[in-house]
Amino acid sequence: MSTITNRDVAANLAANIRQLLDARKMPQAELAASAGVDPMTVSRILSSKQEPRTSTLARLARALRVTTDALIRTPPKRKSGILRKMP
């Protein structure tokens, strides 16, 4: 049995956001603007230096059109595994 730490969740979050940004060809600045979040906050989250507040996580998920669960779960191992968009 393995233990999931806050560091693991932060790394998963960063990897999932990066994957979604790459798939959408969306720059970090566009995500920040769409989510109403400071660009430095997005940068810190992507470098796992900052854990977002719940409200920030929800804004990022909404801007990327995915669930908050999709942002924090362990990312797919396959390179082709793109996270599904919410309807």
PDB file of N, CA and C in Angstrom:
ATOM      1  N   MET A   1       0.848  -1.181   0.000  1.00  0.00           N
ATOM      2  CA  MET A   1       0.000   0.000   0.000  1.00  0.00           C
ATOM      3  C   MET A   1       0.888   1.237   0.000  1.00  0.00           C
ATOM      4  N   SER A   2       0.568   2.190  -0.860  1.00  0.00           N
ATOM      5  CA  SER A   2       1.355   3.412  -0.911  1.00  0.00           C
ATOM      6  C   SER A   2       0.545   4.563  -0.339  1.00  0.00           C
ATOM      7  N   THR A   3       1.256   5.523   0.197  1.00  0.00           N
ATOM      8  CA  THR A   3       0.628   6.699   0.776  1.00  0.00           C
ATOM      9  C   THR A   3       0.741   7.844  -0.212  1.00  0.00           C
ATOM     10  N   ILE A   4      -0.363   8.546  -0.410  1.00  0.00           N
ATOM     11  CA  ILE A   4      -0.357   9.710  -1.292  1.00  0.00           C
ATOM     12  C   ILE A   4      -0.132  10.940  -0.431  1.00  0.00           C
ATOM     13  N   THR A   5       0.866  11.719  -0.786  1.00  0.00           N
ATOM     14  CA  THR A   5       1.199  12.917  -0.033  1.00  0.00           C
ATOM     15  C   THR A   5       0.710  14.164  -0.758  1.00  0.00           C
ATOM     16  N   ASN A   6       0.754  15.281  -0.066  1.00  0.00           N
ATOM     17  CA  ASN A   6       0.411  16.564  -0.699  1.00  0.00           C
ATOM     18  C   ASN A   6       1.345  16.839  -1.870  1.00  0.00           C
ATOM     19  N   ARG A   7       2.590  16.412  -1.737  1.00  0.00           N
ATOM     20  CA  ARG A   7       3.569  16.608  -2.819  1.00  0.00           C
ATOM     21  C   ARG A   7       3.151  15.816  -4.056  1.00  0.00           C
ATOM     22  N   ASP A   8       2.627  14.591  -3.844  1.00  0.00           N
ATOM     23  CA  ASP A   8       2.149  13.778  -4.962  1.00  0.00           C
ATOM     24  C   ASP A   8       0.970  14.452  -5.652  1.00  0.00           C
ATOM     25  N   VAL A   9       0.053  14.969  -4.868  1.00  0.00           N
ATOM     26  CA  VAL A   9      -1.127  15.637  -5.427  1.00  0.00           C
ATOM     27  C   VAL A   9      -0.699  16.868  -6.212  1.00  0.00           C
ATOM     28  N   ALA A  10       0.251  17.634  -5.669  1.00  0.00           N
ATOM     29  CA  ALA A  10       0.742  18.825  -6.361  1.00  0.00           C
ATOM     30  C   ALA A  10       1.416  18.453  -7.681  1.00  0.00           C
ATOM     31  N   ALA A  11       2.180  17.359  -7.667  1.00  0.00           N
ATOM     32  CA  ALA A  11       2.846  16.907  -8.898  1.00  0.00           C
ATOM     33  C   ALA A  11       1.817  16.423  -9.912  1.00  0.00           C
ATOM     34  N   ASN A  12       0.799  15.697  -9.461  1.00  0.00           N
ATOM     35  CA  ASN A  12      -0.269  15.245 -10.359  1.00  0.00           C
ATOM     36  C   ASN A  12      -0.989  16.430 -10.972  1.00  0.00           C
ATOM     37  N   LEU A  13      -1.309  17.410 -10.138  1.00  0.00           N
ATOM     38  CA  LEU A  13      -2.007  18.606 -10.602  1.00  0.00           C
ATOM     39  C   LEU A  13      -1.195  19.310 -11.685  1.00  0.00           C
ATOM     40  N   ALA A  14       0.081  19.510 -11.426  1.00  0.00           N
ATOM     41  CA  ALA A  14       0.942  20.190 -12.397  1.00  0.00           C
ATOM     42  C   ALA A  14       1.018  19.403 -13.706  1.00  0.00           C
ATOM     43  N   ALA A  15       1.200  18.094 -13.607  1.00  0.00           N
ATOM     44  CA  ALA A  15       1.308  17.261 -14.813  1.00  0.00           C
ATOM     45  C   ALA A  15       0.007  17.281 -15.613  1.00  0.00           C
ATOM     46  N   ASN A  16      -1.113  17.193 -14.933  1.00  0.00           N
ATOM     47  CA  ASN A  16      -2.410  17.188 -15.626  1.00  0.00           C
ATOM     48  C   ASN A  16      -2.699  18.529 -16.293  1.00  0.00           C
ATOM     49  N   ILE A  17      -2.395  19.615 -15.608  1.00  0.00           N
ATOM     50  CA  ILE A  17      -2.620  20.930 -16.217  1.00  0.00           C
ATOM     51  C   ILE A  17      -1.716  21.104 -17.433  1.00  0.00           C
ATOM     52  N   ARG A  18      -0.444  20.719 -17.301  1.00  0.00           N
ATOM     53  CA  ARG A  18       0.478  20.823 -18.444  1.00  0.00           C
ATOM     54  C   ARG A  18      -0.034  20.014 -19.632  1.00  0.00           C
ATOM     55  N   GLN A  19      -0.507  18.802 -19.368  1.00  0.00           N
ATOM     56  CA  GLN A  19      -1.018  17.941 -20.436  1.00  0.00           C
ATOM     57  C   GLN A  19      -2.220  18.595 -21.122  1.00  0.00           C
ATOM     58  N   LEU A  20      -3.109  19.173 -20.336  1.00  0.00           N
ATOM     59  CA  LEU A  20      -4.282  19.830 -20.909  1.00  0.00           C
ATOM     60  C   LEU A  20      -3.894  21.082 -21.697  1.00  0.00           C
ATOM     61  N   LEU A  21      -2.957  21.854 -21.176  1.00  0.00           N
ATOM     62  CA  LEU A  21      -2.492  23.044 -21.894  1.00  0.00           C
ATOM     63  C   LEU A  21      -1.861  22.650 -23.226  1.00  0.00           C
ATOM     64  N   ASP A  22      -1.037  21.607 -23.201  1.00  0.00           N
ATOM     65  CA  ASP A  22      -0.398  21.129 -24.440  1.00  0.00           C
ATOM     66  C   ASP A  22      -1.447  20.654 -25.441  1.00  0.00           C
ATOM     67  N   ALA A  23      -2.413  19.876 -24.968  1.00  0.00           N
ATOM     68  CA  ALA A  23      -3.442  19.333 -25.860  1.00  0.00           C
ATOM     69  C   ALA A  23      -4.279  20.442 -26.491  1.00  0.00           C
ATOM     70  N   ARG A  24      -4.476  21.519 -25.751  1.00  0.00           N
ATOM     71  CA  ARG A  24      -5.304  22.633 -26.246  1.00  0.00           C
ATOM     72  C   ARG A  24      -4.471  23.739 -26.896  1.00  0.00           C
ATOM     73  N   LYS A  25      -3.136  23.554 -26.862  1.00  0.00           N
ATOM     74  CA  LYS A  25      -2.226  24.594 -27.366  1.00  0.00           C
ATOM     75  C   LYS A  25      -2.554  25.942 -26.714  1.00  0.00           C
ATOM     76  N   MET A  26      -2.781  25.878 -25.409  1.00  0.00           N
ATOM     77  CA  MET A  26      -3.166  27.056 -24.633  1.00  0.00           C
ATOM     78  C   MET A  26      -1.980  27.514 -23.784  1.00  0.00           C
ATOM     79  N   PRO A  27      -1.587  28.762 -23.907  1.00  0.00           N
ATOM     80  CA  PRO A  27      -0.508  29.274 -23.065  1.00  0.00           C
ATOM     81  C   PRO A  27      -0.975  29.439 -21.610  1.00  0.00           C
ATOM     82  N   GLN A  28      -0.025  29.417 -20.702  1.00  0.00           N
ATOM     83  CA  GLN A  28      -0.341  29.607 -19.280  1.00  0.00           C
ATOM     84  C   GLN A  28      -1.079  30.920 -19.051  1.00  0.00           C
ATOM     85  N   ALA A  29      -0.662  31.956 -19.737  1.00  0.00           N
ATOM     86  CA  ALA A  29      -1.284  33.272 -19.554  1.00  0.00           C
ATOM     87  C   ALA A  29      -2.765  33.242 -19.933  1.00  0.00           C
ATOM     88  N   GLU A  30      -3.101  32.478 -20.967  1.00  0.00           N
ATOM     89  CA  GLU A  30      -4.500  32.363 -21.375  1.00  0.00           C
ATOM     90  C   GLU A  30      -5.307  31.612 -20.319  1.00  0.00           C
ATOM     91  N   LEU A  31      -4.715  30.572 -19.752  1.00  0.00           N
ATOM     92  CA  LEU A  31      -5.388  29.843 -18.673  1.00  0.00           C
ATOM     93  C   LEU A  31      -5.627  30.771 -17.495  1.00  0.00           C
ATOM     94  N   ALA A  32      -4.607  31.519 -17.120  1.00  0.00           N
ATOM     95  CA  ALA A  32      -4.734  32.443 -15.994  1.00  0.00           C
ATOM     96  C   ALA A  32      -5.857  33.448 -16.242  1.00  0.00           C
ATOM     97  N   ALA A  33      -5.888  34.014 -17.439  1.00  0.00           N
ATOM     98  CA  ALA A  33      -6.929  34.997 -17.767  1.00  0.00           C
ATOM     99  C   ALA A  33      -8.316  34.359 -17.765  1.00  0.00           C
ATOM    100  N   SER A  34      -8.443  33.172 -18.359  1.00  0.00           N
ATOM    101  CA  SER A  34      -9.733  32.482 -18.422  1.00  0.00           C
ATOM    102  C   SER A  34     -10.237  32.104 -17.038  1.00  0.00           C
ATOM    103  N   ALA A  35      -9.303  31.757 -16.150  1.00  0.00           N
ATOM    104  CA  ALA A  35      -9.679  31.334 -14.802  1.00  0.00           C
ATOM    105  C   ALA A  35      -9.784  32.502 -13.829  1.00  0.00           C
ATOM    106  N   GLY A  36      -9.319  33.675 -14.245  1.00  0.00           N
ATOM    107  CA  GLY A  36      -9.334  34.826 -13.336  1.00  0.00           C
ATOM    108  C   GLY A  36      -8.335  34.666 -12.200  1.00  0.00           C
ATOM    109  N   VAL A  37      -7.180  34.095 -12.552  1.00  0.00           N
ATOM    110  CA  VAL A  37      -6.129  33.802 -11.578  1.00  0.00           C
ATOM    111  C   VAL A  37      -4.868  34.535 -12.006  1.00  0.00           C
ATOM    112  N   ASP A  38      -4.093  34.990 -11.041  1.00  0.00           N
ATOM    113  CA  ASP A  38      -2.833  35.663 -11.346  1.00  0.00           C
ATOM    114  C   ASP A  38      -1.898  34.709 -12.104  1.00  0.00           C
ATOM    115  N   PRO A  39      -1.254  35.171 -13.170  1.00  0.00           N
ATOM    116  CA  PRO A  39      -0.341  34.313 -13.929  1.00  0.00           C
ATOM    117  C   PRO A  39       0.773  33.695 -13.079  1.00  0.00           C
ATOM    118  N   MET A  40       1.252  34.429 -12.056  1.00  0.00           N
ATOM    119  CA  MET A  40       2.291  33.874 -11.177  1.00  0.00           C
ATOM    120  C   MET A  40       1.746  32.702 -10.365  1.00  0.00           C
ATOM    121  N   THR A  41       0.476  32.748 -10.017  1.00  0.00           N
ATOM    122  CA  THR A  41      -0.145  31.635  -9.294  1.00  0.00           C
ATOM    123  C   THR A  41      -0.130  30.387 -10.170  1.00  0.00           C
ATOM    124  N   VAL A  42      -0.507  30.540 -11.437  1.00  0.00           N
ATOM    125  CA  VAL A  42      -0.489  29.402 -12.365  1.00  0.00           C
ATOM    126  C   VAL A  42       0.937  28.878 -12.495  1.00  0.00           C
ATOM    127  N   SER A  43       1.899  29.749 -12.625  1.00  0.00           N
ATOM    128  CA  SER A  43       3.296  29.340 -12.749  1.00  0.00           C
ATOM    129  C   SER A  43       3.752  28.560 -11.518  1.00  0.00           C
ATOM    130  N   ARG A  44       3.400  29.035 -10.326  1.00  0.00           N
ATOM    131  CA  ARG A  44       3.792  28.354  -9.090  1.00  0.00           C
ATOM    132  C   ARG A  44       3.114  26.988  -8.962  1.00  0.00           C
ATOM    133  N   ILE A  45       1.862  26.905  -9.395  1.00  0.00           N
ATOM    134  CA  ILE A  45       1.145  25.626  -9.354  1.00  0.00           C
ATOM    135  C   ILE A  45       1.804  24.638 -10.316  1.00  0.00           C
ATOM    136  N   LEU A  46       2.162  25.111 -11.512  1.00  0.00           N
ATOM    137  CA  LEU A  46       2.785  24.237 -12.512  1.00  0.00           C
ATOM    138  C   LEU A  46       4.188  23.787 -12.112  1.00  0.00           C
ATOM    139  N   SER A  47       4.835  24.539 -11.246  1.00  0.00           N
ATOM    140  CA  SER A  47       6.161  24.134 -10.762  1.00  0.00           C
ATOM    141  C   SER A  47       6.059  23.441  -9.400  1.00  0.00           C
ATOM    142  N   SER A  48       4.831  23.154  -8.968  1.00  0.00           N
ATOM    143  CA  SER A  48       4.557  22.471  -7.687  1.00  0.00           C
ATOM    144  C   SER A  48       5.092  23.244  -6.489  1.00  0.00           C
ATOM    145  N   LYS A  49       5.213  24.555  -6.611  1.00  0.00           N
ATOM    146  CA  LYS A  49       5.678  25.392  -5.509  1.00  0.00           C
ATOM    147  C   LYS A  49       4.533  25.957  -4.685  1.00  0.00           C
ATOM    148  N   GLN A  50       3.315  25.817  -5.190  1.00  0.00           N
ATOM    149  CA  GLN A  50       2.145  26.351  -4.494  1.00  0.00           C
ATOM    150  C   GLN A  50       0.983  25.392  -4.677  1.00  0.00           C
ATOM    151  N   GLU A  51       0.289  25.125  -3.593  1.00  0.00           N
ATOM    152  CA  GLU A  51      -0.937  24.346  -3.664  1.00  0.00           C
ATOM    153  C   GLU A  51      -2.092  25.336  -3.780  1.00  0.00           C
ATOM    154  N   PRO A  52      -2.967  25.142  -4.753  1.00  0.00           N
ATOM    155  CA  PRO A  52      -4.049  26.112  -4.936  1.00  0.00           C
ATOM    156  C   PRO A  52      -5.136  25.971  -3.875  1.00  0.00           C
ATOM    157  N   ARG A  53      -5.808  27.063  -3.615  1.00  0.00           N
ATOM    158  CA  ARG A  53      -7.008  27.017  -2.786  1.00  0.00           C
ATOM    159  C   ARG A  53      -8.058  26.238  -3.558  1.00  0.00           C
ATOM    160  N   THR A  54      -9.046  25.760  -2.847  1.00  0.00           N
ATOM    161  CA  THR A  54     -10.128  25.010  -3.493  1.00  0.00           C
ATOM    162  C   THR A  54     -10.806  25.856  -4.560  1.00  0.00           C
ATOM    163  N   SER A  55     -11.016  27.123  -4.280  1.00  0.00           N
ATOM    164  CA  SER A  55     -11.679  28.006  -5.248  1.00  0.00           C
ATOM    165  C   SER A  55     -10.826  28.194  -6.503  1.00  0.00           C
ATOM    166  N   THR A  56      -9.512  28.263  -6.346  1.00  0.00           N
ATOM    167  CA  THR A  56      -8.614  28.400  -7.491  1.00  0.00           C
ATOM    168  C   THR A  56      -8.611  27.120  -8.315  1.00  0.00           C
ATOM    169  N   LEU A  57      -8.595  25.984  -7.635  1.00  0.00           N
ATOM    170  CA  LEU A  57      -8.653  24.704  -8.334  1.00  0.00           C
ATOM    171  C   LEU A  57      -9.932  24.609  -9.164  1.00  0.00           C
ATOM    172  N   ALA A  58     -11.047  25.041  -8.589  1.00  0.00           N
ATOM    173  CA  ALA A  58     -12.323  25.011  -9.313  1.00  0.00           C
ATOM    174  C   ALA A  58     -12.293  25.942 -10.517  1.00  0.00           C
ATOM    175  N   ARG A  59     -11.692  27.107 -10.371  1.00  0.00           N
ATOM    176  CA  ARG A  59     -11.599  28.050 -11.502  1.00  0.00           C
ATOM    177  C   ARG A  59     -10.741  27.482 -12.634  1.00  0.00           C
ATOM    178  N   LEU A  60      -9.623  26.856 -12.255  1.00  0.00           N
ATOM    179  CA  LEU A  60      -8.752  26.259 -13.272  1.00  0.00           C
ATOM    180  C   LEU A  60      -9.474  25.130 -13.999  1.00  0.00           C
ATOM    181  N   ALA A  61     -10.165  24.298 -13.247  1.00  0.00           N
ATOM    182  CA  ALA A  61     -10.913  23.191 -13.859  1.00  0.00           C
ATOM    183  C   ALA A  61     -11.975  23.729 -14.807  1.00  0.00           C
ATOM    184  N   ARG A  62     -12.692  24.742 -14.381  1.00  0.00           N
ATOM    185  CA  ARG A  62     -13.740  25.327 -15.225  1.00  0.00           C
ATOM    186  C   ARG A  62     -13.134  25.906 -16.501  1.00  0.00           C
ATOM    187  N   ALA A  63     -12.017  26.595 -16.384  1.00  0.00           N
ATOM    188  CA  ALA A  63     -11.359  27.190 -17.557  1.00  0.00           C
ATOM    189  C   ALA A  63     -10.861  26.113 -18.525  1.00  0.00           C
ATOM    190  N   LEU A  64     -10.479  24.956 -17.987  1.00  0.00           N
ATOM    191  CA  LEU A  64      -9.985  23.853 -18.823  1.00  0.00           C
ATOM    192  C   LEU A  64     -11.106  22.885 -19.219  1.00  0.00           C
ATOM    193  N   ARG A  65     -12.298  23.136 -18.703  1.00  0.00           N
ATOM    194  CA  ARG A  65     -13.485  22.316 -18.990  1.00  0.00           C
ATOM    195  C   ARG A  65     -13.310  20.851 -18.598  1.00  0.00           C
ATOM    196  N   VAL A  66     -12.785  20.671 -17.388  1.00  0.00           N
ATOM    197  CA  VAL A  66     -12.658  19.348 -16.792  1.00  0.00           C
ATOM    198  C   VAL A  66     -13.111  19.434 -15.340  1.00  0.00           C
ATOM    199  N   THR A  67     -13.242  18.290 -14.694  1.00  0.00           N
ATOM    200  CA  THR A  67     -13.592  18.280 -13.277  1.00  0.00           C
ATOM    201  C   THR A  67     -12.347  18.530 -12.436  1.00  0.00           C
ATOM    202  N   THR A  68     -12.561  18.917 -11.200  1.00  0.00           N
ATOM    203  CA  THR A  68     -11.426  19.081 -10.289  1.00  0.00           C
ATOM    204  C   THR A  68     -10.754  17.724 -10.053  1.00  0.00           C
ATOM    205  N   ASP A  69     -11.534  16.656 -10.022  1.00  0.00           N
ATOM    206  CA  ASP A  69     -10.960  15.314  -9.876  1.00  0.00           C
ATOM    207  C   ASP A  69      -9.996  15.008 -11.011  1.00  0.00           C
ATOM    208  N   ALA A  70     -10.350  15.416 -12.218  1.00  0.00           N
ATOM    209  CA  ALA A  70      -9.485  15.169 -13.376  1.00  0.00           C
ATOM    210  C   ALA A  70      -8.149  15.893 -13.230  1.00  0.00           C
ATOM    211  N   LEU A  71      -8.149  17.007 -12.520  1.00  0.00           N
ATOM    212  CA  LEU A  71      -6.900  17.753 -12.345  1.00  0.00           C
ATOM    213  C   LEU A  71      -5.973  17.125 -11.324  1.00  0.00           C
ATOM    214  N   ILE A  72      -6.527  16.470 -10.305  1.00  0.00           N
ATOM    215  CA  ILE A  72      -5.662  15.977  -9.229  1.00  0.00           C
ATOM    216  C   ILE A  72      -5.377  14.475  -9.275  1.00  0.00           C
ATOM    217  N   ARG A  73      -6.084  13.752 -10.119  1.00  0.00           N
ATOM    218  CA  ARG A  73      -5.836  12.305 -10.158  1.00  0.00           C
ATOM    219  C   ARG A  73      -4.470  12.007 -10.781  1.00  0.00           C
ATOM    220  N   THR A  74      -4.013  10.789 -10.554  1.00  0.00           N
ATOM    221  CA  THR A  74      -2.745  10.359 -11.129  1.00  0.00           C
ATOM    222  C   THR A  74      -2.864  10.406 -12.645  1.00  0.00           C
ATOM    223  N   PRO A  75      -1.949  11.105 -13.321  1.00  0.00           N
ATOM    224  CA  PRO A  75      -2.065  11.237 -14.777  1.00  0.00           C
ATOM    225  C   PRO A  75      -1.883   9.901 -15.482  1.00  0.00           C
ATOM    226  N   PRO A  76      -2.496   9.766 -16.667  1.00  0.00           N
ATOM    227  CA  PRO A  76      -2.345   8.523 -17.435  1.00  0.00           C
ATOM    228  C   PRO A  76      -0.892   8.283 -17.802  1.00  0.00           C
ATOM    229  N   LYS A  77      -0.501   7.024 -17.853  1.00  0.00           N
ATOM    230  CA  LYS A  77       0.877   6.664 -18.208  1.00  0.00           C
ATOM    231  C   LYS A  77       1.124   6.831 -19.697  1.00  0.00           C
ATOM    232  N   ARG A  78       0.094   6.554 -20.502  1.00  0.00           N
ATOM    233  CA  ARG A  78       0.246   6.635 -21.952  1.00  0.00           C
ATOM    234  C   ARG A  78       0.307   8.092 -22.392  1.00  0.00           C
ATOM    235  N   LYS A  79       1.163   8.367 -23.347  1.00  0.00           N
ATOM    236  CA  LYS A  79       1.293   9.726 -23.866  1.00  0.00           C
ATOM    237  C   LYS A  79       0.022  10.171 -24.581  1.00  0.00           C
ATOM    238  N   SER A  80      -0.704   9.230 -25.184  1.00  0.00           N
ATOM    239  CA  SER A  80      -1.906   9.586 -25.930  1.00  0.00           C
ATOM    240  C   SER A  80      -3.114   9.780 -25.015  1.00  0.00           C
ATOM    241  N   GLY A  81      -2.974   9.501 -23.722  1.00  0.00           N
ATOM    242  CA  GLY A  81      -4.112   9.605 -22.802  1.00  0.00           C
ATOM    243  C   GLY A  81      -4.457  11.041 -22.479  1.00  0.00           C
ATOM    244  N   ILE A  82      -5.359  11.615 -23.242  1.00  0.00           N
ATOM    245  CA  ILE A  82      -5.801  12.988 -23.011  1.00  0.00           C
ATOM    246  C   ILE A  82      -7.021  12.943 -22.098  1.00  0.00           C
ATOM    247  N   LEU A  83      -7.052  13.834 -21.153  1.00  0.00           N
ATOM    248  CA  LEU A  83      -8.177  13.898 -20.244  1.00  0.00           C
ATOM    249  C   LEU A  83      -9.427  14.342 -20.992  1.00  0.00           C
ATOM    250  N   ARG A  84     -10.550  13.764 -20.633  1.00  0.00           N
ATOM    251  CA  ARG A  84     -11.807  14.110 -21.310  1.00  0.00           C
ATOM    252  C   ARG A  84     -12.322  15.468 -20.862  1.00  0.00           C
ATOM    253  N   LYS A  85     -12.912  16.181 -21.814  1.00  0.00           N
ATOM    254  CA  LYS A  85     -13.567  17.451 -21.523  1.00  0.00           C
ATOM    255  C   LYS A  85     -14.939  17.194 -20.921  1.00  0.00           C
ATOM    256  N   MET A  86     -15.368  18.098 -20.074  1.00  0.00           N
ATOM    257  CA  MET A  86     -16.724  18.042 -19.560  1.00  0.00           C
ATOM    258  C   MET A  86     -17.654  18.570 -20.628  1.00  0.00           C
ATOM    259  N   PRO A  87     -18.885  18.084 -20.658  1.00  0.00           N
ATOM    260  CA  PRO A  87     -19.851  18.597 -21.666  1.00  0.00           C
ATOM    261  C   PRO A  87     -20.207  20.037 -21.406  1.00  0.00           C
TER     262      PRO A  87
END
